[in-house]
Amino acid sequence: MKRQSQAYFVKAKWLHENCIPTMEEYMPIALVSSGYWLITISSFVGMEESITKETFNKAFNDPKIILASSIICRLMSDIVGRKVEQERGHASSAVECYMKQYGVSIQEPHNELYKLL
């Protein structure tokens, strides 16, 4: 929960300062702010006896499966929801970060981000 709050704070700061971060700055924050990690951990609660303390400990150490799932969810959300989020005045997405960092038009980030999936 603390990581989630810190990530939201950074994204709010970027929005307030009209900052478009680099992809390297954006992704670690965006992966946490997507909430996928938190939802995954929370889903263990409903599994009762089949989930051990060791399972929680492993999940809190960023296993590759949760990281990979978070990347997929974050990038898909950024690609698909970009236009609506910009109309609402949301913080930059991976699409905007990529466009600014590499000085490219709208289609190139879509192609490159899909390759990461």
PDB file of N, CA and C in Angstrom:
ATOM      1  N   MET A   1       0.819  -1.186   0.000  1.00  0.00           N
ATOM      2  CA  MET A   1       0.000   0.000   0.000  1.00  0.00           C
ATOM      3  C   MET A   1       0.872   1.263   0.000  1.00  0.00           C
ATOM      4  N   LYS A   2       1.988   1.205   0.731  1.00  0.00           N
ATOM      5  CA  LYS A   2       2.895   2.348   0.790  1.00  0.00           C
ATOM      6  C   LYS A   2       3.503   2.613  -0.597  1.00  0.00           C
ATOM      7  N   ARG A   3       3.926   1.548  -1.276  1.00  0.00           N
ATOM      8  CA  ARG A   3       4.479   1.691  -2.628  1.00  0.00           C
ATOM      9  C   ARG A   3       3.454   2.306  -3.572  1.00  0.00           C
ATOM     10  N   GLN A   4       2.226   1.854  -3.433  1.00  0.00           N
ATOM     11  CA  GLN A   4       1.142   2.350  -4.279  1.00  0.00           C
ATOM     12  C   GLN A   4       0.956   3.854  -4.074  1.00  0.00           C
ATOM     13  N   SER A   5       0.903   4.278  -2.826  1.00  0.00           N
ATOM     14  CA  SER A   5       0.727   5.697  -2.504  1.00  0.00           C
ATOM     15  C   SER A   5       1.888   6.532  -3.025  1.00  0.00           C
ATOM     16  N   GLN A   6       3.099   6.022  -2.871  1.00  0.00           N
ATOM     17  CA  GLN A   6       4.274   6.749  -3.359  1.00  0.00           C
ATOM     18  C   GLN A   6       4.235   6.894  -4.882  1.00  0.00           C
ATOM     19  N   ALA A   7       3.805   5.851  -5.560  1.00  0.00           N
ATOM     20  CA  ALA A   7       3.708   5.906  -7.024  1.00  0.00           C
ATOM     21  C   ALA A   7       2.650   6.917  -7.455  1.00  0.00           C
ATOM     22  N   TYR A   8       1.509   6.939  -6.773  1.00  0.00           N
ATOM     23  CA  TYR A   8       0.469   7.923  -7.088  1.00  0.00           C
ATOM     24  C   TYR A   8       0.986   9.342  -6.877  1.00  0.00           C
ATOM     25  N   PHE A   9       1.771   9.544  -5.823  1.00  0.00           N
ATOM     26  CA  PHE A   9       2.321  10.863  -5.542  1.00  0.00           C
ATOM     27  C   PHE A   9       3.246  11.310  -6.676  1.00  0.00           C
ATOM     28  N   VAL A  10       4.106  10.424  -7.139  1.00  0.00           N
ATOM     29  CA  VAL A  10       5.028  10.766  -8.233  1.00  0.00           C
ATOM     30  C   VAL A  10       4.240  11.116  -9.493  1.00  0.00           C
ATOM     31  N   LYS A  11       3.218  10.321  -9.810  1.00  0.00           N
ATOM     32  CA  LYS A  11       2.414  10.608 -11.002  1.00  0.00           C
ATOM     33  C   LYS A  11       1.680  11.937 -10.872  1.00  0.00           C
ATOM     34  N   ALA A  12       1.175  12.247  -9.676  1.00  0.00           N
ATOM     35  CA  ALA A  12       0.508  13.533  -9.448  1.00  0.00           C
ATOM     36  C   ALA A  12       1.493  14.688  -9.613  1.00  0.00           C
ATOM     37  N   LYS A  13       2.703  14.493  -9.138  1.00  0.00           N
ATOM     38  CA  LYS A  13       3.751  15.512  -9.279  1.00  0.00           C
ATOM     39  C   LYS A  13       4.057  15.744 -10.758  1.00  0.00           C
ATOM     40  N   TRP A  14       4.203  14.669 -11.526  1.00  0.00           N
ATOM     41  CA  TRP A  14       4.453  14.802 -12.961  1.00  0.00           C
ATOM     42  C   TRP A  14       3.324  15.577 -13.636  1.00  0.00           C
ATOM     43  N   LEU A  15       2.089  15.262 -13.275  1.00  0.00           N
ATOM     44  CA  LEU A  15       0.937  15.938 -13.868  1.00  0.00           C
ATOM     45  C   LEU A  15       0.954  17.419 -13.513  1.00  0.00           C
ATOM     46  N   HIS A  16       1.156  17.722 -12.241  1.00  0.00           N
ATOM     47  CA  HIS A  16       1.158  19.111 -11.761  1.00  0.00           C
ATOM     48  C   HIS A  16       2.268  19.926 -12.426  1.00  0.00           C
ATOM     49  N   GLU A  17       3.411  19.314 -12.658  1.00  0.00           N
ATOM     50  CA  GLU A  17       4.564  20.002 -13.249  1.00  0.00           C
ATOM     51  C   GLU A  17       4.604  19.901 -14.776  1.00  0.00           C
ATOM     52  N   ASN A  18       3.549  19.315 -15.367  1.00  0.00           N
ATOM     53  CA  ASN A  18       3.518  19.079 -16.817  1.00  0.00           C
ATOM     54  C   ASN A  18       4.770  18.351 -17.295  1.00  0.00           C
ATOM     55  N   CYS A  19       5.201  17.395 -16.515  1.00  0.00           N
ATOM     56  CA  CYS A  19       6.411  16.628 -16.815  1.00  0.00           C
ATOM     57  C   CYS A  19       6.045  15.347 -17.568  1.00  0.00           C
ATOM     58  N   ILE A  20       6.740  15.112 -18.647  1.00  0.00           N
ATOM     59  CA  ILE A  20       6.609  13.839 -19.352  1.00  0.00           C
ATOM     60  C   ILE A  20       7.929  13.106 -19.139  1.00  0.00           C
ATOM     61  N   PRO A  21       7.928  12.080 -18.291  1.00  0.00           N
ATOM     62  CA  PRO A  21       9.178  11.385 -17.964  1.00  0.00           C
ATOM     63  C   PRO A  21       9.670  10.521 -19.119  1.00  0.00           C
ATOM     64  N   THR A  22      10.901  10.067 -19.005  1.00  0.00           N
ATOM     65  CA  THR A  22      11.417   9.092 -19.969  1.00  0.00           C
ATOM     66  C   THR A  22      10.753   7.747 -19.678  1.00  0.00           C
ATOM     67  N   MET A  23      10.851   6.849 -20.602  1.00  0.00           N
ATOM     68  CA  MET A  23      10.297   5.504 -20.389  1.00  0.00           C
ATOM     69  C   MET A  23      10.959   4.833 -19.189  1.00  0.00           C
ATOM     70  N   GLU A  24      12.261   5.078 -19.011  1.00  0.00           N
ATOM     71  CA  GLU A  24      12.992   4.477 -17.893  1.00  0.00           C
ATOM     72  C   GLU A  24      12.515   5.022 -16.551  1.00  0.00           C
ATOM     73  N   GLU A  25      12.091   6.273 -16.516  1.00  0.00           N
ATOM     74  CA  GLU A  25      11.534   6.855 -15.289  1.00  0.00           C
ATOM     75  C   GLU A  25      10.088   6.413 -15.092  1.00  0.00           C
ATOM     76  N   TYR A  26       9.359   6.344 -16.195  1.00  0.00           N
ATOM     77  CA  TYR A  26       7.927   6.069 -16.145  1.00  0.00           C
ATOM     78  C   TYR A  26       7.579   4.638 -15.724  1.00  0.00           C
ATOM     79  N   MET A  27       8.214   3.656 -16.342  1.00  0.00           N
ATOM     80  CA  MET A  27       7.782   2.272 -16.151  1.00  0.00           C
ATOM     81  C   MET A  27       7.804   1.786 -14.700  1.00  0.00           C
ATOM     82  N   PRO A  28       8.850   2.006 -13.917  1.00  0.00           N
ATOM     83  CA  PRO A  28       8.808   1.510 -12.532  1.00  0.00           C
ATOM     84  C   PRO A  28       7.648   2.105 -11.722  1.00  0.00           C
ATOM     85  N   ILE A  29       7.362   3.383 -11.953  1.00  0.00           N
ATOM     86  CA  ILE A  29       6.260   4.042 -11.246  1.00  0.00           C
ATOM     87  C   ILE A  29       4.925   3.527 -11.781  1.00  0.00           C
ATOM     88  N   ALA A  30       4.814   3.430 -13.092  1.00  0.00           N
ATOM     89  CA  ALA A  30       3.566   2.997 -13.721  1.00  0.00           C
ATOM     90  C   ALA A  30       3.205   1.559 -13.373  1.00  0.00           C
ATOM     91  N   LEU A  31       4.199   0.706 -13.222  1.00  0.00           N
ATOM     92  CA  LEU A  31       3.909  -0.688 -12.875  1.00  0.00           C
ATOM     93  C   LEU A  31       3.291  -0.788 -11.489  1.00  0.00           C
ATOM     94  N   VAL A  32       3.732   0.046 -10.582  1.00  0.00           N
ATOM     95  CA  VAL A  32       3.151   0.045  -9.233  1.00  0.00           C
ATOM     96  C   VAL A  32       1.786   0.725  -9.251  1.00  0.00           C
ATOM     97  N   SER A  33       1.683   1.876  -9.923  1.00  0.00           N
ATOM     98  CA  SER A  33       0.421   2.625  -9.910  1.00  0.00           C
ATOM     99  C   SER A  33      -0.697   1.916 -10.665  1.00  0.00           C
ATOM    100  N   SER A  34      -0.364   0.948 -11.500  1.00  0.00           N
ATOM    101  CA  SER A  34      -1.409   0.207 -12.218  1.00  0.00           C
ATOM    102  C   SER A  34      -2.294  -0.581 -11.261  1.00  0.00           C
ATOM    103  N   GLY A  35      -1.759  -0.913 -10.104  1.00  0.00           N
ATOM    104  CA  GLY A  35      -2.542  -1.631  -9.105  1.00  0.00           C
ATOM    105  C   GLY A  35      -2.566  -3.135  -9.281  1.00  0.00           C
ATOM    106  N   TYR A  36      -1.986  -3.638 -10.355  1.00  0.00           N
ATOM    107  CA  TYR A  36      -2.037  -5.079 -10.606  1.00  0.00           C
ATOM    108  C   TYR A  36      -1.377  -5.863  -9.481  1.00  0.00           C
ATOM    109  N   TRP A  37      -0.235  -5.391  -9.035  1.00  0.00           N
ATOM    110  CA  TRP A  37       0.502  -6.054  -7.951  1.00  0.00           C
ATOM    111  C   TRP A  37      -0.364  -6.115  -6.687  1.00  0.00           C
ATOM    112  N   LEU A  38      -0.990  -4.997  -6.353  1.00  0.00           N
ATOM    113  CA  LEU A  38      -1.822  -4.926  -5.151  1.00  0.00           C
ATOM    114  C   LEU A  38      -3.047  -5.841  -5.261  1.00  0.00           C
ATOM    115  N   ILE A  39      -3.660  -5.877  -6.411  1.00  0.00           N
ATOM    116  CA  ILE A  39      -4.826  -6.744  -6.620  1.00  0.00           C
ATOM    117  C   ILE A  39      -4.422  -8.211  -6.509  1.00  0.00           C
ATOM    118  N   THR A  40      -3.277  -8.555  -7.060  1.00  0.00           N
ATOM    119  CA  THR A  40      -2.793  -9.937  -6.983  1.00  0.00           C
ATOM    120  C   THR A  40      -2.596 -10.361  -5.536  1.00  0.00           C
ATOM    121  N   ILE A  41      -1.924  -9.527  -4.760  1.00  0.00           N
ATOM    122  CA  ILE A  41      -1.686  -9.835  -3.350  1.00  0.00           C
ATOM    123  C   ILE A  41      -3.015  -9.932  -2.600  1.00  0.00           C
ATOM    124  N   SER A  42      -3.927  -8.995  -2.870  1.00  0.00           N
ATOM    125  CA  SER A  42      -5.225  -8.984  -2.190  1.00  0.00           C
ATOM    126  C   SER A  42      -6.049 -10.227  -2.508  1.00  0.00           C
ATOM    127  N   SER A  43      -5.901 -10.751  -3.712  1.00  0.00           N
ATOM    128  CA  SER A  43      -6.681 -11.932  -4.095  1.00  0.00           C
ATOM    129  C   SER A  43      -6.298 -13.163  -3.281  1.00  0.00           C
ATOM    130  N   PHE A  44      -5.086 -13.170  -2.729  1.00  0.00           N
ATOM    131  CA  PHE A  44      -4.659 -14.300  -1.902  1.00  0.00           C
ATOM    132  C   PHE A  44      -5.496 -14.428  -0.636  1.00  0.00           C
ATOM    133  N   VAL A  45      -6.018 -13.319  -0.156  1.00  0.00           N
ATOM    134  CA  VAL A  45      -6.771 -13.326   1.101  1.00  0.00           C
ATOM    135  C   VAL A  45      -7.968 -14.269   1.014  1.00  0.00           C
ATOM    136  N   GLY A  46      -8.640 -14.305  -0.119  1.00  0.00           N
ATOM    137  CA  GLY A  46      -9.804 -15.161  -0.282  1.00  0.00           C
ATOM    138  C   GLY A  46      -9.483 -16.638  -0.427  1.00  0.00           C
ATOM    139  N   MET A  47      -8.220 -16.986  -0.500  1.00  0.00           N
ATOM    140  CA  MET A  47      -7.825 -18.383  -0.679  1.00  0.00           C
ATOM    141  C   MET A  47      -7.616 -19.108   0.638  1.00  0.00           C
ATOM    142  N   GLU A  48      -7.736 -18.401   1.715  1.00  0.00           N
ATOM    143  CA  GLU A  48      -7.669 -18.928   3.084  1.00  0.00           C
ATOM    144  C   GLU A  48      -6.510 -19.886   3.327  1.00  0.00           C
ATOM    145  N   GLU A  49      -6.802 -21.138   3.677  1.00  0.00           N
ATOM    146  CA  GLU A  49      -5.768 -22.083   4.125  1.00  0.00           C
ATOM    147  C   GLU A  49      -4.758 -22.467   3.047  1.00  0.00           C
ATOM    148  N   SER A  50      -5.127 -22.347   1.781  1.00  0.00           N
ATOM    149  CA  SER A  50      -4.213 -22.783   0.722  1.00  0.00           C
ATOM    150  C   SER A  50      -3.052 -21.806   0.498  1.00  0.00           C
ATOM    151  N   ILE A  51      -3.121 -20.628   1.085  1.00  0.00           N
ATOM    152  CA  ILE A  51      -2.054 -19.632   0.948  1.00  0.00           C
ATOM    153  C   ILE A  51      -1.293 -19.533   2.260  1.00  0.00           C
ATOM    154  N   THR A  52       0.013 -19.653   2.160  1.00  0.00           N
ATOM    155  CA  THR A  52       0.855 -19.609   3.357  1.00  0.00           C
ATOM    156  C   THR A  52       1.550 -18.250   3.470  1.00  0.00           C
ATOM    157  N   LYS A  53       2.169 -18.043   4.608  1.00  0.00           N
ATOM    158  CA  LYS A  53       2.948 -16.821   4.809  1.00  0.00           C
ATOM    159  C   LYS A  53       4.082 -16.754   3.785  1.00  0.00           C
ATOM    160  N   GLU A  54       4.645 -17.908   3.457  1.00  0.00           N
ATOM    161  CA  GLU A  54       5.724 -17.970   2.467  1.00  0.00           C
ATOM    162  C   GLU A  54       5.243 -17.463   1.100  1.00  0.00           C
ATOM    163  N   THR A  55       4.003 -17.792   0.741  1.00  0.00           N
ATOM    164  CA  THR A  55       3.439 -17.322  -0.523  1.00  0.00           C
ATOM    165  C   THR A  55       3.384 -15.803  -0.545  1.00  0.00           C
ATOM    166  N   PHE A  56       2.889 -15.216   0.549  1.00  0.00           N
ATOM    167  CA  PHE A  56       2.842 -13.755   0.642  1.00  0.00           C
ATOM    168  C   PHE A  56       4.243 -13.162   0.550  1.00  0.00           C
ATOM    169  N   ASN A  57       5.189 -13.748   1.265  1.00  0.00           N
ATOM    170  CA  ASN A  57       6.560 -13.231   1.248  1.00  0.00           C
ATOM    171  C   ASN A  57       7.151 -13.261  -0.160  1.00  0.00           C
ATOM    172  N   LYS A  58       6.900 -14.341  -0.886  1.00  0.00           N
ATOM    173  CA  LYS A  58       7.398 -14.432  -2.263  1.00  0.00           C
ATOM    174  C   LYS A  58       6.746 -13.366  -3.146  1.00  0.00           C
ATOM    175  N   ALA A  59       5.457 -13.176  -2.966  1.00  0.00           N
ATOM    176  CA  ALA A  59       4.733 -12.193  -3.775  1.00  0.00           C
ATOM    177  C   ALA A  59       5.211 -10.771  -3.496  1.00  0.00           C
ATOM    178  N   PHE A  60       5.592 -10.494  -2.273  1.00  0.00           N
ATOM    179  CA  PHE A  60       6.076  -9.160  -1.920  1.00  0.00           C
ATOM    180  C   PHE A  60       7.477  -8.889  -2.455  1.00  0.00           C
ATOM    181  N   ASN A  61       8.162  -9.896  -2.946  1.00  0.00           N
ATOM    182  CA  ASN A  61       9.509  -9.730  -3.495  1.00  0.00           C
ATOM    183  C   ASN A  61       9.507  -9.659  -5.020  1.00  0.00           C
ATOM    184  N   ASP A  62       8.408  -9.192  -5.583  1.00  0.00           N
ATOM    185  CA  ASP A  62       8.288  -8.950  -7.021  1.00  0.00           C
ATOM    186  C   ASP A  62       8.694 -10.128  -7.902  1.00  0.00           C
ATOM    187  N   PRO A  63       7.976 -11.248  -7.808  1.00  0.00           N
ATOM    188  CA  PRO A  63       8.312 -12.382  -8.677  1.00  0.00           C
ATOM    189  C   PRO A  63       8.094 -12.025 -10.150  1.00  0.00           C
ATOM    190  N   LYS A  64       8.795 -12.722 -11.007  1.00  0.00           N
ATOM    191  CA  LYS A  64       8.759 -12.431 -12.443  1.00  0.00           C
ATOM    192  C   LYS A  64       7.352 -12.523 -13.026  1.00  0.00           C
ATOM    193  N   ILE A  65       6.544 -13.459 -12.536  1.00  0.00           N
ATOM    194  CA  ILE A  65       5.194 -13.625 -13.085  1.00  0.00           C
ATOM    195  C   ILE A  65       4.331 -12.392 -12.810  1.00  0.00           C
ATOM    196  N   ILE A  66       4.466 -11.811 -11.623  1.00  0.00           N
ATOM    197  CA  ILE A  66       3.697 -10.604 -11.311  1.00  0.00           C
ATOM    198  C   ILE A  66       4.258  -9.415 -12.085  1.00  0.00           C
ATOM    199  N   LEU A  67       5.566  -9.336 -12.218  1.00  0.00           N
ATOM    200  CA  LEU A  67       6.180  -8.258 -12.996  1.00  0.00           C
ATOM    201  C   LEU A  67       5.735  -8.330 -14.458  1.00  0.00           C
ATOM    202  N   ALA A  68       5.791  -9.508 -15.039  1.00  0.00           N
ATOM    203  CA  ALA A  68       5.386  -9.676 -16.439  1.00  0.00           C
ATOM    204  C   ALA A  68       3.911  -9.330 -16.632  1.00  0.00           C
ATOM    205  N   SER A  69       3.064  -9.780 -15.720  1.00  0.00           N
ATOM    206  CA  SER A  69       1.634  -9.475 -15.798  1.00  0.00           C
ATOM    207  C   SER A  69       1.387  -7.982 -15.658  1.00  0.00           C
ATOM    208  N   SER A  70       2.132  -7.345 -14.773  1.00  0.00           N
ATOM    209  CA  SER A  70       1.994  -5.896 -14.570  1.00  0.00           C
ATOM    210  C   SER A  70       2.389  -5.124 -15.824  1.00  0.00           C
ATOM    211  N   ILE A  71       3.451  -5.553 -16.474  1.00  0.00           N
ATOM    212  CA  ILE A  71       3.892  -4.889 -17.710  1.00  0.00           C
ATOM    213  C   ILE A  71       2.812  -4.997 -18.782  1.00  0.00           C
ATOM    214  N   ILE A  72       2.261  -6.190 -18.952  1.00  0.00           N
ATOM    215  CA  ILE A  72       1.206  -6.393 -19.951  1.00  0.00           C
ATOM    216  C   ILE A  72       0.004  -5.509 -19.651  1.00  0.00           C
ATOM    217  N   CYS A  73      -0.456  -5.540 -18.410  1.00  0.00           N
ATOM    218  CA  CYS A  73      -1.632  -4.737 -18.030  1.00  0.00           C
ATOM    219  C   CYS A  73      -1.377  -3.245 -18.197  1.00  0.00           C
ATOM    220  N   ARG A  74      -0.226  -2.780 -17.744  1.00  0.00           N
ATOM    221  CA  ARG A  74       0.089  -1.349 -17.819  1.00  0.00           C
ATOM    222  C   ARG A  74       0.174  -0.873 -19.260  1.00  0.00           C
ATOM    223  N   LEU A  75       0.926  -1.590 -20.096  1.00  0.00           N
ATOM    224  CA  LEU A  75       1.095  -1.151 -21.480  1.00  0.00           C
ATOM    225  C   LEU A  75      -0.208  -1.242 -22.268  1.00  0.00           C
ATOM    226  N   MET A  76      -0.979  -2.293 -22.063  1.00  0.00           N
ATOM    227  CA  MET A  76      -2.271  -2.401 -22.757  1.00  0.00           C
ATOM    228  C   MET A  76      -3.199  -1.264 -22.344  1.00  0.00           C
ATOM    229  N   SER A  77      -3.230  -0.961 -21.066  1.00  0.00           N
ATOM    230  CA  SER A  77      -4.055   0.144 -20.578  1.00  0.00           C
ATOM    231  C   SER A  77      -3.598   1.471 -21.180  1.00  0.00           C
ATOM    232  N   ASP A  78      -2.293   1.684 -21.225  1.00  0.00           N
ATOM    233  CA  ASP A  78      -1.762   2.933 -21.772  1.00  0.00           C
ATOM    234  C   ASP A  78      -2.049   3.072 -23.263  1.00  0.00           C
ATOM    235  N   ILE A  79      -1.928   1.991 -23.996  1.00  0.00           N
ATOM    236  CA  ILE A  79      -2.164   2.038 -25.439  1.00  0.00           C
ATOM    237  C   ILE A  79      -3.647   2.266 -25.728  1.00  0.00           C
ATOM    238  N   VAL A  80      -4.496   1.483 -25.094  1.00  0.00           N
ATOM    239  CA  VAL A  80      -5.930   1.533 -25.380  1.00  0.00           C
ATOM    240  C   VAL A  80      -6.597   2.780 -24.794  1.00  0.00           C
ATOM    241  N   GLY A  81      -6.201   3.171 -23.593  1.00  0.00           N
ATOM    242  CA  GLY A  81      -6.881   4.271 -22.913  1.00  0.00           C
ATOM    243  C   GLY A  81      -6.256   5.634 -23.089  1.00  0.00           C
ATOM    244  N   ARG A  82      -5.242   5.743 -23.909  1.00  0.00           N
ATOM    245  CA  ARG A  82      -4.488   6.982 -24.048  1.00  0.00           C
ATOM    246  C   ARG A  82      -5.352   8.195 -24.383  1.00  0.00           C
ATOM    247  N   LYS A  83      -6.177   8.083 -25.397  1.00  0.00           N
ATOM    248  CA  LYS A  83      -6.967   9.229 -25.854  1.00  0.00           C
ATOM    249  C   LYS A  83      -7.933   9.706 -24.771  1.00  0.00           C
ATOM    250  N   VAL A  84      -8.647   8.798 -24.159  1.00  0.00           N
ATOM    251  CA  VAL A  84      -9.617   9.154 -23.115  1.00  0.00           C
ATOM    252  C   VAL A  84      -8.911   9.777 -21.917  1.00  0.00           C
ATOM    253  N   GLU A  85      -7.791   9.197 -21.514  1.00  0.00           N
ATOM    254  CA  GLU A  85      -7.060   9.727 -20.364  1.00  0.00           C
ATOM    255  C   GLU A  85      -6.516  11.120 -20.646  1.00  0.00           C
ATOM    256  N   GLN A  86      -6.072  11.387 -21.857  1.00  0.00           N
ATOM    257  CA  GLN A  86      -5.579  12.719 -22.191  1.00  0.00           C
ATOM    258  C   GLN A  86      -6.715  13.737 -22.188  1.00  0.00           C
ATOM    259  N   GLU A  87      -7.896  13.333 -22.652  1.00  0.00           N
ATOM    260  CA  GLU A  87      -9.055  14.228 -22.623  1.00  0.00           C
ATOM    261  C   GLU A  87      -9.452  14.571 -21.193  1.00  0.00           C
ATOM    262  N   ARG A  88      -9.247  13.642 -20.275  1.00  0.00           N
ATOM    263  CA  ARG A  88      -9.572  13.863 -18.865  1.00  0.00           C
ATOM    264  C   ARG A  88      -8.466  14.601 -18.118  1.00  0.00           C
ATOM    265  N   GLY A  89      -7.338  14.817 -18.758  1.00  0.00           N
ATOM    266  CA  GLY A  89      -6.235  15.512 -18.110  1.00  0.00           C
ATOM    267  C   GLY A  89      -5.410  14.637 -17.192  1.00  0.00           C
ATOM    268  N   HIS A  90      -5.324  13.353 -17.494  1.00  0.00           N
ATOM    269  CA  HIS A  90      -4.524  12.430 -16.687  1.00  0.00           C
ATOM    270  C   HIS A  90      -3.040  12.630 -16.972  1.00  0.00           C
ATOM    271  N   ALA A  91      -2.225  12.043 -16.121  1.00  0.00           N
ATOM    272  CA  ALA A  91      -0.768  12.088 -16.303  1.00  0.00           C
ATOM    273  C   ALA A  91      -0.382  11.344 -17.580  1.00  0.00           C
ATOM    274  N   SER A  92       0.819  11.561 -18.022  1.00  0.00           N
ATOM    275  CA  SER A  92       1.329  10.939 -19.247  1.00  0.00           C
ATOM    276  C   SER A  92       1.283   9.418 -19.173  1.00  0.00           C
ATOM    277  N   SER A  93       1.068   8.821 -20.339  1.00  0.00           N
ATOM    278  CA  SER A  93       1.098   7.362 -20.442  1.00  0.00           C
ATOM    279  C   SER A  93       2.402   6.949 -21.125  1.00  0.00           C
ATOM    280  N   ALA A  94       2.595   5.658 -21.251  1.00  0.00           N
ATOM    281  CA  ALA A  94       3.789   5.149 -21.930  1.00  0.00           C
ATOM    282  C   ALA A  94       3.862   5.676 -23.362  1.00  0.00           C
ATOM    283  N   VAL A  95       2.710   5.894 -23.974  1.00  0.00           N
ATOM    284  CA  VAL A  95       2.678   6.392 -25.354  1.00  0.00           C
ATOM    285  C   VAL A  95       3.294   7.791 -25.426  1.00  0.00           C
ATOM    286  N   GLU A  96       2.850   8.698 -24.544  1.00  0.00           N
ATOM    287  CA  GLU A  96       3.406  10.060 -24.540  1.00  0.00           C
ATOM    288  C   GLU A  96       4.884  10.064 -24.172  1.00  0.00           C
ATOM    289  N   CYS A  97       5.240   9.247 -23.190  1.00  0.00           N
ATOM    290  CA  CYS A  97       6.647   9.170 -22.775  1.00  0.00           C
ATOM    291  C   CYS A  97       7.526   8.735 -23.940  1.00  0.00           C
ATOM    292  N   TYR A  98       7.075   7.726 -24.669  1.00  0.00           N
ATOM    293  CA  TYR A  98       7.842   7.210 -25.807  1.00  0.00           C
ATOM    294  C   TYR A  98       7.932   8.265 -26.909  1.00  0.00           C
ATOM    295  N   MET A  99       6.803   8.912 -27.208  1.00  0.00           N
ATOM    296  CA  MET A  99       6.786   9.931 -28.260  1.00  0.00           C
ATOM    297  C   MET A  99       7.768  11.055 -27.952  1.00  0.00           C
ATOM    298  N   LYS A 100       7.746  11.541 -26.718  1.00  0.00           N
ATOM    299  CA  LYS A 100       8.635  12.647 -26.355  1.00  0.00           C
ATOM    300  C   LYS A 100      10.095  12.201 -26.348  1.00  0.00           C
ATOM    301  N   GLN A 101      10.364  11.056 -25.748  1.00  0.00           N
ATOM    302  CA  GLN A 101      11.741  10.592 -25.616  1.00  0.00           C
ATOM    303  C   GLN A 101      12.406  10.369 -26.973  1.00  0.00           C
ATOM    304  N   TYR A 102      11.642   9.823 -27.922  1.00  0.00           N
ATOM    305  CA  TYR A 102      12.230   9.475 -29.218  1.00  0.00           C
ATOM    306  C   TYR A 102      11.816  10.418 -30.354  1.00  0.00           C
ATOM    307  N   GLY A 103      10.992  11.430 -30.045  1.00  0.00           N
ATOM    308  CA  GLY A 103      10.593  12.409 -31.050  1.00  0.00           C
ATOM    309  C   GLY A 103       9.857  11.806 -32.228  1.00  0.00           C
ATOM    310  N   VAL A 104       8.889  10.939 -31.944  1.00  0.00           N
ATOM    311  CA  VAL A 104       8.170  10.229 -33.009  1.00  0.00           C
ATOM    312  C   VAL A 104       6.682  10.559 -32.975  1.00  0.00           C
ATOM    313  N   SER A 105       5.968  10.180 -34.044  1.00  0.00           N
ATOM    314  CA  SER A 105       4.525  10.395 -34.132  1.00  0.00           C
ATOM    315  C   SER A 105       3.781   9.294 -33.372  1.00  0.00           C
ATOM    316  N   ILE A 106       2.481   9.389 -33.353  1.00  0.00           N
ATOM    317  CA  ILE A 106       1.630   8.516 -32.528  1.00  0.00           C
ATOM    318  C   ILE A 106       1.720   7.032 -32.886  1.00  0.00           C
ATOM    319  N   GLN A 107       1.888   6.677 -34.141  1.00  0.00           N
ATOM    320  CA  GLN A 107       1.850   5.262 -34.516  1.00  0.00           C
ATOM    321  C   GLN A 107       3.078   4.483 -34.049  1.00  0.00           C
ATOM    322  N   GLU A 108       4.232   5.102 -34.062  1.00  0.00           N
ATOM    323  CA  GLU A 108       5.452   4.379 -33.691  1.00  0.00           C
ATOM    324  C   GLU A 108       5.430   3.858 -32.252  1.00  0.00           C
ATOM    325  N   PRO A 109       4.976   4.656 -31.273  1.00  0.00           N
ATOM    326  CA  PRO A 109       4.917   4.094 -29.913  1.00  0.00           C
ATOM    327  C   PRO A 109       4.013   2.869 -29.826  1.00  0.00           C
ATOM    328  N   HIS A 110       2.887   2.903 -30.533  1.00  0.00           N
ATOM    329  CA  HIS A 110       1.995   1.741 -30.513  1.00  0.00           C
ATOM    330  C   HIS A 110       2.724   0.504 -31.012  1.00  0.00           C
ATOM    331  N   ASN A 111       3.395   0.629 -32.136  1.00  0.00           N
ATOM    332  CA  ASN A 111       4.125  -0.513 -32.702  1.00  0.00           C
ATOM    333  C   ASN A 111       5.209  -1.007 -31.751  1.00  0.00           C
ATOM    334  N   GLU A 112       5.981  -0.090 -31.198  1.00  0.00           N
ATOM    335  CA  GLU A 112       7.090  -0.472 -30.315  1.00  0.00           C
ATOM    336  C   GLU A 112       6.592  -1.044 -28.991  1.00  0.00           C
ATOM    337  N   LEU A 113       5.544  -0.461 -28.426  1.00  0.00           N
ATOM    338  CA  LEU A 113       5.022  -0.964 -27.149  1.00  0.00           C
ATOM    339  C   LEU A 113       4.385  -2.339 -27.319  1.00  0.00           C
ATOM    340  N   TYR A 114       3.726  -2.572 -28.452  1.00  0.00           N
ATOM    341  CA  TYR A 114       3.172  -3.907 -28.705  1.00  0.00           C
ATOM    342  C   TYR A 114       4.274  -4.955 -28.782  1.00  0.00           C
ATOM    343  N   LYS A 115       5.445  -4.571 -29.276  1.00  0.00           N
ATOM    344  CA  LYS A 115       6.573  -5.511 -29.332  1.00  0.00           C
ATOM    345  C   LYS A 115       7.004  -5.946 -27.930  1.00  0.00           C
ATOM    346  N   LEU A 116       6.859  -5.052 -26.953  1.00  0.00           N
ATOM    347  CA  LEU A 116       7.229  -5.390 -25.575  1.00  0.00           C
ATOM    348  C   LEU A 116       6.263  -6.391 -24.954  1.00  0.00           C
ATOM    349  N   LEU A 117       5.063  -6.464 -25.513  1.00  0.00           N
ATOM    350  CA  LEU A 117       4.069  -7.387 -24.974  1.00  0.00           C
ATOM    351  C   LEU A 117       4.359  -8.783 -25.453  1.00  0.00           C
TER     352      LEU A 117
END
